[in-house]
Amino acid sequence: MTRLDQLQSRLTATLSPVVCELHDDSAAHAGHAGAASGGGHYNLKIISHQFEGLNRISRHRLVYDAIGDMMHTEVHALAIVALAPSEIPT
């Protein structure tokens, strides 16, 4: 299982998202000092009912909790857009 698959799996299992778009942007950061540790750079757009009524910081905490120890070893940078379904225009 790839690192991207592991992240996706943890996010899906923990947050049951309606949408979970996770992109690996590590190649764009090659040579960056943080990339030397082997941690990747990722962009995440996640929509989950669990985010209803929560502020941005609380939503980000839920994401960080979902990926757990990977945040300190496998992930160097994670850009997060976390929304509740009610925030998506119809």
N, C-alpha and C. Protein backbone atom coordinates (compact mmCIF):
# COMPACT_ATOMS: atom_id res chain seq x y z
N MET A 1 0.85 -1.18 0.00
CA MET A 1 0.00 0.00 0.00
C MET A 1 0.90 1.24 0.00
N THR A 2 0.64 2.17 -0.89
CA THR A 2 1.45 3.38 -0.97
C THR A 2 1.11 4.33 0.18
N ARG A 3 1.97 5.30 0.37
CA ARG A 3 1.74 6.31 1.41
C ARG A 3 0.42 7.04 1.14
N LEU A 4 0.17 7.39 -0.11
CA LEU A 4 -1.07 8.07 -0.47
C LEU A 4 -2.28 7.20 -0.14
N ASP A 5 -2.19 5.91 -0.43
CA ASP A 5 -3.27 4.97 -0.11
C ASP A 5 -3.50 4.87 1.40
N GLN A 6 -2.41 4.85 2.16
CA GLN A 6 -2.52 4.77 3.62
C GLN A 6 -3.23 6.01 4.17
N LEU A 7 -2.82 7.18 3.70
CA LEU A 7 -3.46 8.42 4.15
C LEU A 7 -4.95 8.41 3.80
N GLN A 8 -5.25 8.06 2.56
CA GLN A 8 -6.64 8.02 2.10
C GLN A 8 -7.45 7.04 2.94
N SER A 9 -6.89 5.89 3.22
CA SER A 9 -7.57 4.86 4.00
C SER A 9 -7.88 5.35 5.42
N ARG A 10 -6.92 5.97 6.06
CA ARG A 10 -7.14 6.48 7.42
C ARG A 10 -8.18 7.58 7.45
N LEU A 11 -8.12 8.47 6.49
CA LEU A 11 -9.10 9.56 6.43
C LEU A 11 -10.51 9.01 6.20
N THR A 12 -10.62 8.06 5.31
CA THR A 12 -11.92 7.48 5.00
C THR A 12 -12.48 6.70 6.19
N ALA A 13 -11.65 5.91 6.82
CA ALA A 13 -12.10 5.10 7.96
C ALA A 13 -12.53 5.96 9.14
N THR A 14 -11.85 7.06 9.37
CA THR A 14 -12.11 7.89 10.54
C THR A 14 -13.20 8.93 10.31
N LEU A 15 -13.20 9.57 9.14
CA LEU A 15 -14.08 10.71 8.92
C LEU A 15 -15.27 10.43 7.99
N SER A 16 -15.33 9.25 7.40
CA SER A 16 -16.42 8.87 6.49
C SER A 16 -16.78 10.02 5.55
N PRO A 17 -15.83 10.51 4.78
CA PRO A 17 -16.10 11.69 3.97
C PRO A 17 -17.03 11.43 2.79
N VAL A 18 -17.74 12.49 2.41
CA VAL A 18 -18.55 12.48 1.19
C VAL A 18 -17.61 12.64 0.01
N VAL A 19 -16.58 13.47 0.19
CA VAL A 19 -15.54 13.70 -0.81
C VAL A 19 -14.20 13.66 -0.09
N CYS A 20 -13.23 12.99 -0.69
CA CYS A 20 -11.87 12.99 -0.15
C CYS A 20 -10.91 12.99 -1.34
N GLU A 21 -10.42 14.18 -1.67
CA GLU A 21 -9.49 14.34 -2.79
C GLU A 21 -8.12 14.65 -2.20
N LEU A 22 -7.22 13.71 -2.32
CA LEU A 22 -5.88 13.83 -1.76
C LEU A 22 -4.88 13.75 -2.91
N HIS A 23 -4.04 14.77 -3.02
CA HIS A 23 -3.07 14.83 -4.11
C HIS A 23 -1.66 14.94 -3.55
N ASP A 24 -0.77 14.18 -4.12
CA ASP A 24 0.64 14.19 -3.73
C ASP A 24 1.37 15.24 -4.59
N ASP A 25 1.83 16.29 -3.94
CA ASP A 25 2.56 17.36 -4.62
C ASP A 25 4.04 17.33 -4.29
N SER A 26 4.53 16.20 -3.82
CA SER A 26 5.92 16.08 -3.38
C SER A 26 6.91 16.41 -4.49
N ALA A 27 6.62 16.02 -5.71
CA ALA A 27 7.55 16.26 -6.81
C ALA A 27 7.79 17.74 -7.03
N ALA A 28 6.80 18.56 -6.76
CA ALA A 28 6.94 20.01 -6.93
C ALA A 28 7.83 20.64 -5.86
N HIS A 29 8.12 19.87 -4.81
CA HIS A 29 8.92 20.39 -3.70
C HIS A 29 10.28 19.70 -3.59
N ALA A 30 10.69 19.01 -4.62
CA ALA A 30 11.99 18.35 -4.62
C ALA A 30 13.08 19.38 -4.37
N GLY A 31 14.01 19.04 -3.51
CA GLY A 31 15.09 19.96 -3.16
C GLY A 31 14.76 20.86 -1.98
N HIS A 32 13.50 20.89 -1.58
CA HIS A 32 13.07 21.66 -0.41
C HIS A 32 13.67 21.02 0.83
N ALA A 33 14.10 21.83 1.77
CA ALA A 33 14.76 21.32 2.98
C ALA A 33 13.89 20.28 3.70
N GLY A 34 12.59 20.52 3.78
CA GLY A 34 11.70 19.59 4.46
C GLY A 34 11.56 18.27 3.74
N ALA A 35 11.78 18.27 2.44
CA ALA A 35 11.66 17.05 1.66
C ALA A 35 12.81 16.09 1.94
N ALA A 36 13.90 16.60 2.48
CA ALA A 36 15.07 15.76 2.77
C ALA A 36 14.74 14.66 3.78
N SER A 37 13.77 14.89 4.66
CA SER A 37 13.40 13.90 5.66
C SER A 37 12.61 12.74 5.06
N GLY A 38 12.16 12.91 3.83
CA GLY A 38 11.38 11.86 3.19
C GLY A 38 9.89 12.06 3.31
N GLY A 39 9.47 13.03 4.09
CA GLY A 39 8.04 13.32 4.23
C GLY A 39 7.50 13.98 2.98
N GLY A 40 6.27 13.64 2.62
CA GLY A 40 5.67 14.18 1.41
C GLY A 40 4.89 15.46 1.63
N HIS A 41 4.56 16.12 0.53
CA HIS A 41 3.73 17.32 0.50
C HIS A 41 2.40 16.95 -0.14
N TYR A 42 1.30 17.25 0.55
CA TYR A 42 -0.01 16.84 0.08
C TYR A 42 -1.01 17.99 0.15
N ASN A 43 -2.00 17.92 -0.77
CA ASN A 43 -3.16 18.81 -0.75
C ASN A 43 -4.38 17.93 -0.54
N LEU A 44 -5.25 18.36 0.38
CA LEU A 44 -6.44 17.59 0.72
C LEU A 44 -7.67 18.47 0.66
N LYS A 45 -8.67 17.99 -0.05
CA LYS A 45 -10.02 18.57 0.01
C LYS A 45 -10.90 17.47 0.55
N ILE A 46 -11.51 17.73 1.70
CA ILE A 46 -12.33 16.71 2.35
C ILE A 46 -13.64 17.33 2.81
N ILE A 47 -14.72 16.63 2.52
CA ILE A 47 -16.06 17.06 2.92
C ILE A 47 -16.65 15.95 3.76
N SER A 48 -17.01 16.28 4.99
CA SER A 48 -17.52 15.27 5.91
C SER A 48 -18.62 15.85 6.80
N HIS A 49 -19.61 15.03 7.10
CA HIS A 49 -20.67 15.43 8.02
C HIS A 49 -20.10 15.71 9.41
N GLN A 50 -18.97 15.11 9.73
CA GLN A 50 -18.36 15.32 11.04
C GLN A 50 -17.86 16.75 11.23
N PHE A 51 -17.75 17.52 10.15
CA PHE A 51 -17.28 18.90 10.25
C PHE A 51 -18.41 19.90 10.52
N GLU A 52 -19.66 19.45 10.47
CA GLU A 52 -20.79 20.35 10.71
C GLU A 52 -20.65 21.02 12.08
N GLY A 53 -20.77 22.33 12.09
CA GLY A 53 -20.73 23.10 13.33
C GLY A 53 -19.36 23.32 13.92
N LEU A 54 -18.32 22.83 13.27
CA LEU A 54 -16.96 22.99 13.78
C LEU A 54 -16.23 24.13 13.07
N ASN A 55 -15.35 24.79 13.79
CA ASN A 55 -14.53 25.82 13.15
C ASN A 55 -13.37 25.16 12.41
N ARG A 56 -12.63 25.96 11.67
CA ARG A 56 -11.55 25.45 10.83
C ARG A 56 -10.49 24.71 11.65
N ILE A 57 -10.12 25.25 12.78
CA ILE A 57 -9.09 24.61 13.61
C ILE A 57 -9.55 23.24 14.11
N SER A 58 -10.78 23.14 14.54
CA SER A 58 -11.31 21.85 15.01
C SER A 58 -11.37 20.83 13.88
N ARG A 59 -11.70 21.28 12.69
CA ARG A 59 -11.74 20.39 11.53
C ARG A 59 -10.33 19.88 11.21
N HIS A 60 -9.37 20.76 11.25
CA HIS A 60 -7.98 20.37 10.96
C HIS A 60 -7.48 19.39 12.02
N ARG A 61 -7.86 19.59 13.26
CA ARG A 61 -7.46 18.65 14.32
C ARG A 61 -8.00 17.25 14.05
N LEU A 62 -9.25 17.18 13.58
CA LEU A 62 -9.83 15.87 13.25
C LEU A 62 -9.04 15.20 12.13
N VAL A 63 -8.62 15.98 11.14
CA VAL A 63 -7.81 15.42 10.05
C VAL A 63 -6.48 14.92 10.59
N TYR A 64 -5.81 15.75 11.39
CA TYR A 64 -4.51 15.35 11.96
C TYR A 64 -4.66 14.11 12.85
N ASP A 65 -5.73 14.05 13.62
CA ASP A 65 -5.97 12.88 14.46
C ASP A 65 -6.18 11.63 13.60
N ALA A 66 -6.84 11.79 12.47
CA ALA A 66 -7.12 10.65 11.59
C ALA A 66 -5.85 10.06 11.00
N ILE A 67 -4.89 10.92 10.66
CA ILE A 67 -3.67 10.38 10.05
C ILE A 67 -2.61 10.07 11.10
N GLY A 68 -2.83 10.50 12.31
CA GLY A 68 -2.00 10.11 13.45
C GLY A 68 -0.52 10.27 13.25
N ASP A 69 0.21 9.18 13.53
CA ASP A 69 1.67 9.19 13.50
C ASP A 69 2.25 9.48 12.12
N MET A 70 1.47 9.33 11.08
CA MET A 70 1.97 9.62 9.73
C MET A 70 2.32 11.11 9.58
N MET A 71 1.66 11.95 10.35
CA MET A 71 1.92 13.38 10.27
C MET A 71 3.33 13.71 10.71
N HIS A 72 3.92 12.90 11.55
CA HIS A 72 5.26 13.17 12.06
C HIS A 72 6.36 12.43 11.31
N THR A 73 5.95 11.49 10.47
CA THR A 73 6.96 10.67 9.79
C THR A 73 6.82 10.68 8.28
N GLU A 74 5.61 10.48 7.77
CA GLU A 74 5.37 10.33 6.34
C GLU A 74 4.94 11.62 5.64
N VAL A 75 4.47 12.59 6.42
CA VAL A 75 3.94 13.83 5.87
C VAL A 75 4.75 15.01 6.38
N HIS A 76 5.28 15.78 5.44
CA HIS A 76 6.00 17.00 5.82
C HIS A 76 5.06 18.19 5.80
N ALA A 77 4.19 18.27 4.80
CA ALA A 77 3.27 19.39 4.66
C ALA A 77 1.91 18.88 4.16
N LEU A 78 0.86 19.44 4.74
CA LEU A 78 -0.49 19.06 4.36
C LEU A 78 -1.35 20.31 4.29
N ALA A 79 -1.77 20.68 3.09
CA ALA A 79 -2.69 21.80 2.90
C ALA A 79 -4.11 21.23 2.92
N ILE A 80 -4.95 21.78 3.79
CA ILE A 80 -6.27 21.19 4.03
C ILE A 80 -7.39 22.19 3.70
N VAL A 81 -8.35 21.70 2.93
CA VAL A 81 -9.65 22.37 2.77
C VAL A 81 -10.66 21.38 3.33
N ALA A 82 -11.24 21.70 4.47
CA ALA A 82 -12.18 20.81 5.15
C ALA A 82 -13.54 21.50 5.25
N LEU A 83 -14.52 20.91 4.63
CA LEU A 83 -15.85 21.51 4.57
C LEU A 83 -16.91 20.53 5.07
N ALA A 84 -18.02 21.10 5.52
CA ALA A 84 -19.21 20.31 5.83
C ALA A 84 -20.08 20.28 4.58
N PRO A 85 -20.87 19.22 4.40
CA PRO A 85 -21.74 19.15 3.21
C PRO A 85 -22.66 20.36 3.05
N SER A 86 -23.08 20.95 4.15
CA SER A 86 -24.00 22.11 4.08
C SER A 86 -23.31 23.34 3.50
N GLU A 87 -21.99 23.33 3.38
CA GLU A 87 -21.26 24.46 2.86
C GLU A 87 -21.02 24.38 1.35
N ILE A 88 -21.45 23.29 0.76
CA ILE A 88 -21.26 23.09 -0.68
C ILE A 88 -22.48 23.66 -1.41
N PRO A 89 -22.26 24.57 -2.34
CA PRO A 89 -23.40 25.12 -3.09
C PRO A 89 -24.09 24.04 -3.93
N THR A 90 -25.39 24.12 -3.99
CA THR A 90 -26.15 23.13 -4.78
C THR A 90 -26.58 23.70 -6.10
